[in-house]
Amino acid sequence: LDLCDKHGIYVVPDVPAVWLNEGDYRYLADGEVLRAKEIYQQHKNRASVVMWHIGNENGPSSGYRPMGQAARWLHENDPTRPVTICDNDANVAEYGAAVKDFHYYGWPPLEPTAAPFLMGEFHGVPEEVDRLKDRGFEESWGRSLKAGWGSIDGKPWVIGALMCCWDDGSVNGNLGPRQWGLVDSKRQAKDLTFHVRKAYARVSLQLEGAQLKAGRLSGSLQVTNRYSYVDLSGYT
């Protein structure tokens, strides 16, 4: 997080609540609110933290259920950052959540929604490395992603992506499950590392010969590469 603060990488901390079928389990609410308080105290002064996210692969919540209670606490104690709940609609009035969250349960609608939405979890890469050897499995993921992003193409949306893990979850450098990281378990760069560096690479933009005429701004834009490994041929 120190590096994220320094280099301007946005972070969305998660308040843990995994595979929880809340139902009417009001007795869990105190524990979930306590987790929200702890996450808040740890990260409240971080410039990189832009939003709070609650839960993972759960069902709908409400204003009195655990995730809804945690969201309400965060909203009331930190109105400067939006809150979202795993697989729940945005509902500021009930539990303070201003962002709608999607998980695995279908792609976003074909038209923009009333509130911003976040795909809090949808794997673009299989969890287990061995499955990559199965071309049928790999292609099925490719078709799914193509169909999903294709439904968004051309719509008036701002699109981004989140990185799930910084390093692989395996130990001793073994290839196994949990290969989600940007670097391997020994903190060595993977191919993915350079793809991300390219996406985040800084370029210098400078407007030259600017002229304002008839309400239109004209001029040339000088794009300077600040990192030698980035190809600027895609810039126009």
Protein backbone atom coordinates (compact mmCIF):
# COMPACT_ATOMS: atom_id res chain seq x y z
CA LEU A 1 0.00 0.00 0.00
CA ASP A 2 2.95 2.34 0.51
CA LEU A 3 3.87 1.76 -3.13
CA CYS A 4 0.26 2.25 -4.22
CA ASP A 5 0.12 5.56 -2.37
CA LYS A 6 3.38 6.64 -3.99
CA HIS A 7 2.62 5.60 -7.57
CA GLY A 8 -1.09 6.38 -7.73
CA ILE A 9 -2.47 2.84 -7.99
CA TYR A 10 -6.05 2.73 -6.76
CA VAL A 11 -6.96 0.16 -4.10
CA VAL A 12 -10.34 -1.28 -3.06
CA PRO A 13 -9.95 -3.06 0.30
CA ASP A 14 -12.35 -5.90 0.99
CA VAL A 15 -14.24 -6.44 4.25
CA PRO A 16 -14.17 -10.26 4.59
CA ALA A 17 -17.48 -12.13 4.34
CA VAL A 18 -17.16 -15.20 2.15
CA TRP A 19 -19.87 -17.62 0.97
CA LEU A 20 -22.21 -16.26 3.61
CA ASN A 21 -25.91 -16.95 3.15
CA GLU A 22 -27.06 -14.20 5.42
CA GLY A 23 -30.71 -15.14 5.57
CA ASP A 24 -32.01 -13.62 8.79
CA TYR A 25 -28.76 -14.17 10.66
CA ARG A 26 -28.79 -10.93 12.57
CA TYR A 27 -26.39 -12.34 15.16
CA LEU A 28 -23.59 -12.17 12.54
CA ALA A 29 -24.01 -8.44 12.04
CA ASP A 30 -21.89 -7.38 15.03
CA GLY A 31 -18.97 -9.44 13.80
CA GLU A 32 -19.20 -8.08 10.27
CA VAL A 33 -19.40 -4.48 11.48
CA LEU A 34 -16.33 -5.13 13.65
CA ARG A 35 -14.44 -6.30 10.56
CA ALA A 36 -15.50 -3.15 8.71
CA LYS A 37 -14.22 -1.01 11.58
CA GLU A 38 -10.87 -2.83 11.58
CA ILE A 39 -10.40 -2.50 7.81
CA TYR A 40 -11.36 1.17 8.05
CA GLN A 41 -8.89 1.88 10.85
CA GLN A 42 -6.09 0.16 8.91
CA HIS A 43 -6.65 1.99 5.62
CA LYS A 44 -8.59 5.20 6.31
CA ASN A 45 -5.56 7.48 5.78
CA ARG A 46 -4.40 5.83 2.55
CA ALA A 47 -4.51 8.08 -0.48
CA SER A 48 -4.71 5.01 -2.72
CA VAL A 49 -7.91 3.64 -1.15
CA VAL A 50 -10.80 4.90 -3.28
CA MET A 51 -13.71 2.64 -2.27
CA TRP A 52 -14.81 -0.01 0.27
CA HIS A 53 -15.96 -3.45 -0.89
CA ILE A 54 -17.81 -5.94 1.30
CA GLY A 55 -18.08 -9.70 0.87
CA ASN A 56 -17.39 -12.34 -1.74
CA GLU A 57 -19.75 -14.71 -3.56
CA ASN A 58 -22.67 -14.02 -1.24
CA GLY A 59 -26.34 -13.43 -1.82
CA PRO A 60 -28.45 -10.31 -1.41
CA SER A 61 -28.12 -8.29 1.78
CA SER A 62 -30.32 -5.69 3.40
CA GLY A 63 -30.19 -2.84 5.87
CA TYR A 64 -30.29 -5.14 8.89
CA ARG A 65 -28.25 -8.09 7.63
CA PRO A 66 -24.48 -8.36 8.22
CA MET A 67 -23.09 -6.94 4.95
CA GLY A 68 -25.74 -4.23 4.88
CA GLN A 69 -24.92 -3.24 8.45
CA ALA A 70 -21.20 -3.09 7.64
CA ALA A 71 -21.88 -0.96 4.58
CA ARG A 72 -24.04 1.40 6.61
CA TRP A 73 -21.29 1.84 9.21
CA LEU A 74 -18.70 2.63 6.53
CA HIS A 75 -21.01 5.03 4.73
CA GLU A 76 -21.82 6.92 7.90
CA ASN A 77 -18.23 7.06 9.15
CA ASP A 78 -16.52 7.72 5.81
CA PRO A 79 -18.82 9.63 3.47
CA THR A 80 -15.82 10.52 1.28
CA ARG A 81 -15.57 7.02 -0.25
CA PRO A 82 -18.30 4.97 -1.96
CA VAL A 83 -19.27 1.51 -0.68
CA THR A 84 -20.28 -1.58 -2.63
CA ILE A 85 -21.51 -5.00 -1.48
CA CYS A 86 -20.83 -8.31 -3.23
CA ASP A 87 -23.57 -9.08 -5.77
CA ASN A 88 -25.91 -6.39 -4.47
CA ASP A 89 -27.63 -3.42 -6.02
CA ALA A 90 -26.63 0.10 -5.10
CA ASN A 91 -28.90 1.39 -2.37
CA VAL A 92 -27.71 4.47 -0.52
CA ALA A 93 -30.97 4.94 1.35
CA GLU A 94 -31.03 1.45 2.87
CA TYR A 95 -27.40 0.56 3.50
CA GLY A 96 -25.23 3.29 2.03
CA ALA A 97 -23.98 1.41 -1.03
CA ALA A 98 -23.55 3.75 -4.01
CA VAL A 99 -22.04 1.22 -6.43
CA LYS A 100 -23.71 -1.92 -7.80
CA ASP A 101 -21.55 -5.07 -7.66
CA PHE A 102 -21.56 -8.03 -10.05
CA HIS A 103 -19.87 -11.35 -9.49
CA TYR A 104 -20.35 -14.48 -11.56
CA TYR A 105 -24.09 -14.09 -12.02
CA GLY A 106 -24.32 -12.73 -15.52
CA TRP A 107 -22.72 -9.84 -17.32
CA PRO A 108 -23.87 -6.26 -16.82
CA PRO A 109 -27.01 -5.14 -18.66
CA LEU A 110 -26.67 -3.90 -22.20
CA GLU A 111 -27.60 -0.37 -21.19
CA PRO A 112 -26.02 1.85 -18.52
CA THR A 113 -27.54 1.49 -15.08
CA ALA A 114 -28.60 4.26 -12.71
CA ALA A 115 -25.53 3.64 -10.54
CA PRO A 116 -21.91 2.78 -11.34
CA PHE A 117 -21.20 -0.94 -11.32
CA LEU A 118 -18.20 -3.03 -10.43
CA MET A 119 -17.48 -6.61 -11.41
CA GLY A 120 -16.06 -7.49 -8.01
CA GLU A 121 -14.98 -10.91 -9.18
CA PHE A 122 -14.95 -12.57 -12.57
CA HIS A 123 -11.88 -14.60 -13.44
CA GLY A 124 -10.21 -13.93 -16.74
CA VAL A 125 -7.73 -16.74 -16.04
CA PRO A 126 -8.46 -20.25 -14.70
CA GLU A 127 -7.54 -20.86 -11.10
CA GLU A 128 -5.46 -23.94 -11.76
CA VAL A 129 -2.48 -23.96 -14.09
CA ASP A 130 -3.13 -27.55 -15.19
CA ARG A 131 -6.44 -26.49 -16.71
CA LEU A 132 -4.56 -24.27 -19.14
CA LYS A 133 -3.40 -27.47 -20.86
CA ASP A 134 -7.04 -28.21 -21.74
CA ARG A 135 -7.69 -26.18 -24.86
CA GLY A 136 -11.43 -26.70 -24.57
CA PHE A 137 -11.44 -25.19 -21.09
CA GLU A 138 -9.28 -22.26 -22.12
CA GLU A 139 -11.40 -21.54 -25.18
CA SER A 140 -14.60 -21.64 -23.13
CA TRP A 141 -13.23 -18.86 -20.93
CA GLY A 142 -12.24 -16.94 -24.04
CA ARG A 143 -15.76 -17.21 -25.50
CA SER A 144 -17.28 -16.09 -22.21
CA LEU A 145 -15.05 -13.03 -21.94
CA LYS A 146 -15.54 -12.12 -25.60
CA ALA A 147 -19.31 -12.30 -25.25
CA GLY A 148 -19.26 -10.23 -22.08
CA TRP A 149 -16.99 -7.44 -23.22
CA GLY A 150 -18.61 -7.51 -26.64
CA SER A 151 -21.94 -6.60 -25.06
CA ILE A 152 -20.30 -3.49 -23.60
CA ASP A 153 -18.46 -2.42 -26.74
CA GLY A 154 -19.70 0.85 -28.17
CA LYS A 155 -21.70 1.79 -25.10
CA PRO A 156 -21.04 5.13 -23.34
CA TRP A 157 -19.22 3.54 -20.41
CA VAL A 158 -15.85 4.05 -18.80
CA ILE A 159 -14.25 0.60 -18.53
CA GLY A 160 -11.40 -0.58 -16.32
CA ALA A 161 -10.08 -3.70 -14.64
CA LEU A 162 -8.95 -4.77 -11.18
CA MET A 163 -5.97 -6.91 -10.22
CA CYS A 164 -6.90 -9.55 -7.66
CA CYS A 165 -3.58 -10.57 -6.15
CA TRP A 166 -0.07 -9.15 -6.08
CA ASP A 167 1.79 -12.45 -5.89
CA ASP A 168 0.98 -16.12 -6.46
CA GLY A 169 -0.44 -18.11 -3.58
CA SER A 170 1.70 -21.18 -4.13
CA VAL A 171 4.75 -21.83 -1.98
CA ASN A 172 8.36 -22.73 -2.81
CA GLY A 173 7.84 -21.61 -6.38
CA ASN A 174 5.70 -24.65 -7.21
CA LEU A 175 3.22 -24.40 -10.03
CA GLY A 176 -0.16 -25.18 -8.57
CA PRO A 177 -3.44 -23.50 -7.79
CA ARG A 178 -3.83 -19.83 -6.97
CA GLN A 179 -1.66 -18.57 -9.80
CA TRP A 180 -3.37 -15.18 -9.80
CA GLY A 181 -0.48 -12.88 -8.99
CA LEU A 182 1.37 -10.31 -11.04
CA VAL A 183 4.59 -11.91 -9.78
CA ASP A 184 5.30 -15.48 -8.75
CA SER A 185 5.60 -16.75 -5.19
CA LYS A 186 9.28 -15.74 -5.13
CA ARG A 187 8.38 -12.20 -6.25
CA GLN A 188 9.93 -12.73 -9.68
CA ALA A 189 8.33 -11.05 -12.69
CA LYS A 190 5.89 -13.05 -14.82
CA ASP A 191 4.82 -12.19 -18.37
CA LEU A 192 1.72 -10.62 -16.85
CA THR A 193 3.92 -8.17 -14.94
CA PHE A 194 5.07 -6.51 -18.15
CA HIS A 195 1.56 -6.36 -19.60
CA VAL A 196 0.44 -4.48 -16.51
CA ARG A 197 3.49 -2.20 -16.54
CA LYS A 198 2.74 -1.34 -20.14
CA ALA A 199 -0.87 -0.52 -19.31
CA TYR A 200 0.16 1.67 -16.40
CA ALA A 201 3.22 3.16 -18.06
CA ARG A 202 3.43 6.92 -17.85
CA VAL A 203 3.67 9.08 -20.94
CA SER A 204 4.13 12.82 -21.14
CA LEU A 205 1.47 14.73 -23.11
CA GLN A 206 2.20 18.29 -24.23
CA LEU A 207 -0.01 20.50 -26.38
CA GLU A 208 1.97 22.50 -28.94
CA GLY A 209 0.87 25.37 -31.15
CA ALA A 210 -2.52 25.62 -29.51
CA GLN A 211 -5.01 27.93 -31.23
CA LEU A 212 -8.62 28.70 -30.35
CA LYS A 213 -10.70 29.64 -33.39
CA ALA A 214 -14.47 29.69 -33.77
CA GLY A 215 -14.82 27.85 -30.51
CA ARG A 216 -12.54 24.98 -31.57
CA LEU A 217 -9.14 24.20 -30.09
CA SER A 218 -6.51 23.05 -32.54
CA GLY A 219 -2.87 22.14 -32.21
CA SER A 220 -0.52 19.18 -32.08
CA LEU A 221 -0.13 16.80 -29.20
CA GLN A 222 3.42 15.70 -28.44
CA VAL A 223 3.44 12.25 -26.83
CA THR A 224 6.72 11.35 -25.14
CA ASN A 225 7.54 7.85 -23.96
CA ARG A 226 8.85 7.86 -20.39
CA TYR A 227 9.57 4.12 -20.35
CA SER A 228 11.66 2.55 -23.09
CA TYR A 229 9.73 -0.74 -23.16
CA VAL A 230 6.44 0.87 -24.24
CA ASP A 231 5.57 1.11 -27.91
CA LEU A 232 3.70 4.33 -28.69
CA SER A 233 2.62 3.33 -32.20
CA GLY A 234 -0.94 2.91 -30.96
CA TYR A 235 -1.27 6.59 -30.04
CA THR A 236 -3.01 8.94 -32.48
